Amino acid sequence: MASVTQQQIQKFYEDGFLVLEHFFTVEECDSMRSQIQRIVAEMEVPPHCRTEFSTKEEEQLQAQGSSDYFLTSGDKIRFFFEKGVLDERGNFLIPKEKSISKVGHALHAYDPVFKQITHSSKVQELGRKLGLERPVVVQSMYIFKQPGIGGEVTPHQDATFLHTEPLGRILGFWIALEDATLENGCLWFIPGSHTSGITRRMVRAPSGASTCVEFVGSDPAYDDSQFIPLPISKGGLILIHGEVVHKSELNSSESSRHVFTFHVMEAKDTSWSKENWLQPTPELPFPSLYT
């Protein structure tokens, strides 16, 4: 991997994203892939996934269980599934390693392989080149984008979900663990769309509400023709500004599109919104990126 140049950093601030091919080695990618295989092999199906119920009340409890499972996943390693892969008793209709949509949201803190990648010297060096003074890691996810069923991710800005004051303090690191292509659901971006703030926020719903989170505001209708695709090869890194508009399509191919992604916040002079779904906990305050 060649060192990142000032021109590339300049380009990141102009476009709201930056593609760095071959940032990670094939070996590093394979170590993450085999580690996630081990994690999935040992997984227990979460109780709320067994959705056989006879009463409305049981149904509500299940929905509540599912939302609690998500809301309290910030400091744990938890499993989220594609639709329609489990029967009502929580048994897999397809092999379990093919049924998972993502694992989140604290691999970076509790798994040695993902922790090492997140805090690798090249990531730290990149943070320093970007001028980050007190970057902290707020979340991580392993995304599978399964063949044939890996769903589309509609146009969004990460700051909708990870809100800070001021804005402009969130940065995503998106690592392709396999080639990401037009066929298997690579990312698409609107270049320069990171400069006009956000119009929608996902916030924690007041306790007692029927859902765990709700949206405030709405996204504008984005013009499809403004998106450009960013296919990238295995080991490539895409840096994602918290306010840049991006999406990915359904994976209609026969190959998966595994990704490890994590988000960093510049903690200097920044406040993390108390309304964000994800909150630091006494067990896991947001760890410093720099070690």
Protein backbone atom coordinates (compact mmCIF):
# COMPACT_ATOMS: atom_id res chain seq x y z
CA MET A 1 0.00 0.00 0.00
CA ALA A 2 1.42 3.36 -1.03
CA SER A 3 1.25 6.22 1.42
CA VAL A 4 -1.75 8.53 1.14
CA THR A 5 -0.92 11.85 -0.51
CA GLN A 6 -2.12 15.35 0.37
CA GLN A 7 -3.85 15.44 -3.03
CA GLN A 8 -5.89 12.37 -2.09
CA ILE A 9 -6.84 13.96 1.23
CA GLN A 10 -7.84 17.11 -0.64
CA LYS A 11 -9.98 14.95 -2.94
CA PHE A 12 -11.67 13.34 0.07
CA TYR A 13 -12.78 16.76 1.32
CA GLU A 14 -14.01 17.73 -2.17
CA ASP A 15 -15.95 14.52 -2.93
CA GLY A 16 -16.90 13.29 0.55
CA PHE A 17 -15.27 9.92 -0.12
CA LEU A 18 -11.91 8.47 -1.06
CA VAL A 19 -11.05 5.11 -2.65
CA LEU A 20 -7.75 3.59 -1.51
CA GLU A 21 -7.15 0.36 -3.44
CA HIS A 22 -5.17 -2.45 -1.75
CA PHE A 23 -4.97 -0.63 1.61
CA PHE A 24 -5.20 -4.00 3.37
CA THR A 25 -3.46 -7.18 2.27
CA VAL A 26 -5.21 -10.29 1.01
CA GLU A 27 -3.97 -12.03 4.19
CA GLU A 28 -5.57 -9.38 6.43
CA CYS A 29 -8.87 -9.79 4.55
CA ASP A 30 -8.73 -13.57 4.83
CA SER A 31 -8.00 -13.39 8.56
CA MET A 32 -11.18 -11.33 9.05
CA ARG A 33 -13.20 -13.72 6.89
CA SER A 34 -12.04 -16.82 8.76
CA GLN A 35 -12.58 -15.09 12.11
CA ILE A 36 -16.19 -14.24 11.24
CA GLN A 37 -16.73 -17.86 10.13
CA ARG A 38 -15.67 -18.98 13.60
CA ILE A 39 -17.91 -16.40 15.28
CA VAL A 40 -20.92 -17.47 13.18
CA ALA A 41 -20.23 -21.16 13.78
CA GLU A 42 -20.52 -20.57 17.55
CA MET A 43 -23.56 -18.30 17.31
CA GLU A 44 -26.75 -19.03 19.23
CA VAL A 45 -29.91 -17.86 17.49
CA PRO A 46 -31.23 -14.90 19.51
CA PRO A 47 -34.51 -15.76 21.33
CA HIS A 48 -36.52 -13.01 19.63
CA CYS A 49 -35.88 -14.72 16.27
CA ARG A 50 -38.18 -17.56 17.33
CA THR A 51 -41.34 -15.82 16.33
CA GLU A 52 -43.97 -18.50 16.87
CA PHE A 53 -46.68 -16.76 18.90
CA SER A 54 -50.36 -17.11 19.46
CA THR A 55 -51.38 -13.77 20.92
CA LYS A 56 -51.05 -10.12 19.98
CA GLU A 57 -49.27 -9.58 23.27
CA GLU A 58 -46.63 -12.19 22.44
CA GLU A 59 -46.15 -10.53 19.09
CA GLN A 60 -45.57 -7.16 20.75
CA LEU A 61 -43.13 -8.73 23.20
CA GLN A 62 -41.24 -10.25 20.29
CA ALA A 63 -41.03 -6.88 18.51
CA GLN A 64 -39.84 -5.33 21.78
CA GLY A 65 -37.27 -8.11 22.23
CA SER A 66 -35.99 -7.51 18.72
CA SER A 67 -35.68 -3.75 19.24
CA ASP A 68 -33.99 -4.19 22.64
CA TYR A 69 -31.56 -6.63 21.05
CA PHE A 70 -30.63 -3.97 18.49
CA LEU A 71 -30.60 -1.01 20.90
CA THR A 72 -28.26 -2.75 23.35
CA SER A 73 -25.88 -4.10 20.70
CA GLY A 74 -23.47 -1.15 20.79
CA ASP A 75 -21.14 -2.87 23.25
CA LYS A 76 -21.71 -6.47 22.12
CA ILE A 77 -21.18 -8.84 19.21
CA ARG A 78 -24.67 -9.56 17.90
CA PHE A 79 -26.32 -11.10 14.86
CA PHE A 80 -28.82 -9.63 12.39
CA PHE A 81 -30.49 -11.73 9.70
CA GLU A 82 -31.82 -11.31 6.19
CA LYS A 83 -35.63 -11.49 5.91
CA GLY A 84 -37.23 -14.89 5.50
CA VAL A 85 -34.26 -17.07 6.46
CA LEU A 86 -35.72 -18.43 9.73
CA ASP A 87 -38.97 -20.27 10.29
CA GLU A 88 -41.27 -19.28 13.18
CA ARG A 89 -39.42 -21.59 15.56
CA GLY A 90 -36.11 -19.93 14.84
CA ASN A 91 -34.76 -22.75 12.67
CA PHE A 92 -32.72 -21.86 9.60
CA LEU A 93 -34.32 -22.44 6.22
CA ILE A 94 -30.91 -22.02 4.57
CA PRO A 95 -27.40 -22.61 5.97
CA LYS A 96 -26.87 -20.18 8.84
CA GLU A 97 -23.67 -18.69 7.42
CA LYS A 98 -25.69 -17.70 4.33
CA SER A 99 -28.57 -16.20 6.34
CA ILE A 100 -26.76 -13.45 8.22
CA SER A 101 -27.00 -9.87 7.08
CA LYS A 102 -24.56 -8.37 9.56
CA VAL A 103 -22.75 -8.74 12.86
CA GLY A 104 -22.49 -5.65 15.10
CA HIS A 105 -21.63 -3.40 16.73
CA ALA A 106 -18.53 -3.99 18.85
CA LEU A 107 -16.26 -6.39 16.96
CA HIS A 108 -13.62 -3.65 17.12
CA ALA A 109 -13.59 -3.83 20.92
CA TYR A 110 -14.10 -7.49 21.75
CA ASP A 111 -12.63 -9.51 18.92
CA PRO A 112 -8.82 -9.64 18.69
CA VAL A 113 -8.67 -9.86 14.87
CA PHE A 114 -11.06 -6.97 14.21
CA LYS A 115 -9.54 -4.93 17.04
CA GLN A 116 -6.09 -5.29 15.49
CA ILE A 117 -7.33 -4.20 12.05
CA THR A 118 -9.27 -1.21 13.45
CA HIS A 119 -6.24 0.07 15.36
CA SER A 120 -3.64 -1.00 12.79
CA SER A 121 -0.75 1.41 12.35
CA LYS A 122 -1.83 2.26 8.80
CA VAL A 123 -5.32 3.23 9.98
CA GLN A 124 -3.82 5.37 12.75
CA GLU A 125 -1.45 7.00 10.27
CA LEU A 126 -4.35 7.75 7.94
CA GLY A 127 -6.25 9.34 10.86
CA ARG A 128 -3.28 11.60 11.56
CA LYS A 129 -3.00 12.59 7.89
CA LEU A 130 -6.68 13.53 7.96
CA GLY A 131 -5.91 15.79 10.90
CA LEU A 132 -7.94 13.83 13.46
CA GLU A 133 -6.83 14.87 16.94
CA ARG A 134 -8.95 12.71 19.26
CA PRO A 135 -10.63 10.08 17.11
CA VAL A 136 -12.70 7.47 18.95
CA VAL A 137 -14.28 4.34 17.49
CA VAL A 138 -18.07 4.40 17.90
CA GLN A 139 -19.18 1.21 16.15
CA SER A 140 -18.23 -1.56 13.76
CA MET A 141 -20.11 -3.99 11.54
CA TYR A 142 -19.31 -7.02 9.45
CA ILE A 143 -21.67 -6.89 6.46
CA PHE A 144 -22.21 -10.03 4.38
CA LYS A 145 -24.33 -8.84 1.43
CA GLN A 146 -25.35 -12.44 0.74
CA PRO A 147 -25.67 -13.67 -2.88
CA GLY A 148 -29.18 -13.29 -4.26
CA ILE A 149 -30.70 -11.98 -1.01
CA GLY A 150 -28.28 -9.29 0.21
CA GLY A 151 -30.79 -6.42 0.27
CA GLU A 152 -30.37 -2.95 -1.19
CA VAL A 153 -29.36 -0.12 1.11
CA THR A 154 -31.33 2.96 0.11
CA PRO A 155 -29.61 6.36 -0.26
CA HIS A 156 -28.59 7.69 3.16
CA GLN A 157 -26.07 9.73 5.12
CA ASP A 158 -24.33 8.06 8.06
CA ALA A 159 -24.85 11.17 10.21
CA THR A 160 -28.60 10.46 10.07
CA PHE A 161 -27.87 7.54 12.42
CA LEU A 162 -24.73 8.84 14.17
CA HIS A 163 -25.48 12.46 14.94
CA THR A 164 -22.94 14.87 16.40
CA GLU A 165 -22.78 18.55 17.20
CA PRO A 166 -21.27 20.07 15.22
CA LEU A 167 -21.74 17.90 12.14
CA GLY A 168 -18.72 16.84 10.08
CA ARG A 169 -17.19 14.77 12.88
CA ILE A 170 -18.07 11.25 11.67
CA LEU A 171 -15.90 9.23 9.34
CA GLY A 172 -16.57 5.73 8.01
CA PHE A 173 -13.86 3.21 7.11
CA TRP A 174 -15.29 0.64 4.67
CA ILE A 175 -13.05 -2.34 3.90
CA ALA A 176 -13.79 -4.69 1.01
CA LEU A 177 -12.98 -8.26 2.11
CA GLU A 178 -13.93 -9.51 -1.37
CA ASP A 179 -14.10 -7.65 -4.67
CA ALA A 180 -17.12 -5.29 -4.63
CA THR A 181 -18.56 -5.09 -8.14
CA LEU A 182 -21.55 -3.63 -9.97
CA GLU A 183 -23.09 -7.12 -9.88
CA ASN A 184 -22.68 -7.91 -6.18
CA GLY A 185 -23.66 -4.54 -4.70
CA CYS A 186 -20.74 -2.09 -4.61
CA LEU A 187 -21.27 1.36 -3.10
CA TRP A 188 -22.61 4.32 -5.11
CA PHE A 189 -22.01 7.96 -4.11
CA ILE A 190 -23.14 11.45 -5.06
CA PRO A 191 -19.81 13.32 -5.22
CA GLY A 192 -19.82 16.55 -3.22
CA SER A 193 -23.12 15.75 -1.46
CA HIS A 194 -21.53 16.08 2.00
CA THR A 195 -21.68 19.87 2.17
CA SER A 196 -25.32 20.67 2.81
CA GLY A 197 -25.99 19.11 6.21
CA ILE A 198 -28.61 16.46 6.92
CA THR A 199 -32.39 16.51 6.69
CA ARG A 200 -33.30 13.33 8.55
CA ARG A 201 -32.32 11.89 11.92
CA MET A 202 -32.95 8.53 13.50
CA VAL A 203 -33.55 9.04 17.22
CA ARG A 204 -34.41 6.84 20.20
CA ALA A 205 -38.18 6.80 20.63
CA PRO A 206 -39.56 7.86 24.02
CA SER A 207 -39.88 4.84 26.31
CA GLY A 208 -43.25 3.18 25.96
CA ALA A 209 -43.43 3.94 22.23
CA SER A 210 -44.23 1.02 19.93
CA THR A 211 -40.89 1.24 18.12
CA CYS A 212 -37.42 1.66 19.56
CA VAL A 213 -36.36 4.37 17.14
CA GLU A 214 -38.10 6.89 14.95
CA PHE A 215 -37.14 9.22 12.12
CA VAL A 216 -37.37 12.97 12.38
CA GLY A 217 -37.44 14.90 9.12
CA SER A 218 -37.20 13.26 5.71
CA ASP A 219 -34.66 12.68 2.97
CA PRO A 220 -35.05 14.62 -0.26
CA ALA A 221 -35.73 12.60 -3.41
CA TYR A 222 -32.23 11.98 -4.72
CA ASP A 223 -31.60 12.04 -8.45
CA ASP A 224 -30.47 8.56 -9.50
CA SER A 225 -28.35 9.95 -12.31
CA GLN A 226 -26.12 11.77 -9.82
CA PHE A 227 -24.79 8.57 -8.24
CA ILE A 228 -21.50 7.10 -9.42
CA PRO A 229 -20.52 3.48 -8.64
CA LEU A 230 -17.29 2.70 -6.79
CA PRO A 231 -16.33 -0.88 -7.50
CA ILE A 232 -13.22 -1.81 -5.52
CA SER A 233 -11.03 -4.85 -5.19
CA LYS A 234 -10.45 -7.04 -2.17
CA GLY A 235 -8.37 -5.17 0.43
CA GLY A 236 -9.53 -1.76 -0.78
CA LEU A 237 -10.66 0.91 1.68
CA ILE A 238 -13.32 3.54 1.06
CA LEU A 239 -13.31 6.53 3.40
CA ILE A 240 -16.85 7.87 3.86
CA HIS A 241 -17.65 11.37 5.14
CA GLY A 242 -20.55 11.28 7.62
CA GLU A 243 -22.73 13.46 5.41
CA VAL A 244 -22.03 12.11 1.94
CA VAL A 245 -25.05 10.48 0.25
CA HIS A 246 -24.44 6.85 -0.69
CA LYS A 247 -26.32 3.61 -1.37
CA SER A 248 -25.86 0.04 -2.57
CA GLU A 249 -28.06 -2.13 -4.75
CA LEU A 250 -29.42 -5.63 -4.13
CA ASN A 251 -26.79 -8.32 -4.61
CA SER A 252 -28.27 -10.21 -7.55
CA SER A 253 -25.05 -12.11 -8.24
CA GLU A 254 -23.94 -15.54 -7.07
CA SER A 255 -21.06 -14.20 -4.97
CA SER A 256 -21.16 -12.52 -1.57
CA ARG A 257 -19.71 -9.05 -0.89
CA HIS A 258 -18.20 -9.22 2.59
CA VAL A 259 -17.18 -5.94 4.20
CA PHE A 260 -15.81 -4.85 7.56
CA THR A 261 -16.72 -1.28 8.36
CA PHE A 262 -16.24 0.96 11.38
CA HIS A 263 -17.03 4.56 12.25
CA VAL A 264 -14.81 7.06 13.97
CA MET A 265 -15.77 10.34 15.62
CA GLU A 266 -13.44 13.28 16.14
CA ALA A 267 -14.13 13.70 19.85
CA LYS A 268 -12.30 17.01 20.22
CA ASP A 269 -14.89 19.80 20.75
CA THR A 270 -17.70 17.44 19.71
CA SER A 271 -20.80 16.23 21.47
CA TRP A 272 -22.37 12.86 20.68
CA SER A 273 -26.16 13.12 20.55
CA LYS A 274 -27.99 11.60 23.52
CA GLU A 275 -30.76 10.77 21.04
CA ASN A 276 -28.61 8.47 18.91
CA TRP A 277 -29.64 4.79 19.06
CA LEU A 278 -26.04 3.94 19.88
CA GLN A 279 -24.69 5.12 23.22
CA PRO A 280 -21.37 4.55 24.95
CA THR A 281 -21.75 2.40 28.08
CA PRO A 282 -19.78 2.10 31.31
CA GLU A 283 -18.58 -1.30 29.99
CA LEU A 284 -17.51 0.22 26.70
CA PRO A 285 -16.79 3.93 26.53
CA PHE A 286 -15.82 4.83 22.93
CA PRO A 287 -12.16 3.70 22.66
CA SER A 288 -9.47 5.95 21.22
CA LEU A 289 -8.42 5.06 17.68
CA TYR A 290 -4.84 5.96 18.59
CA THR A 291 -3.09 3.46 20.83
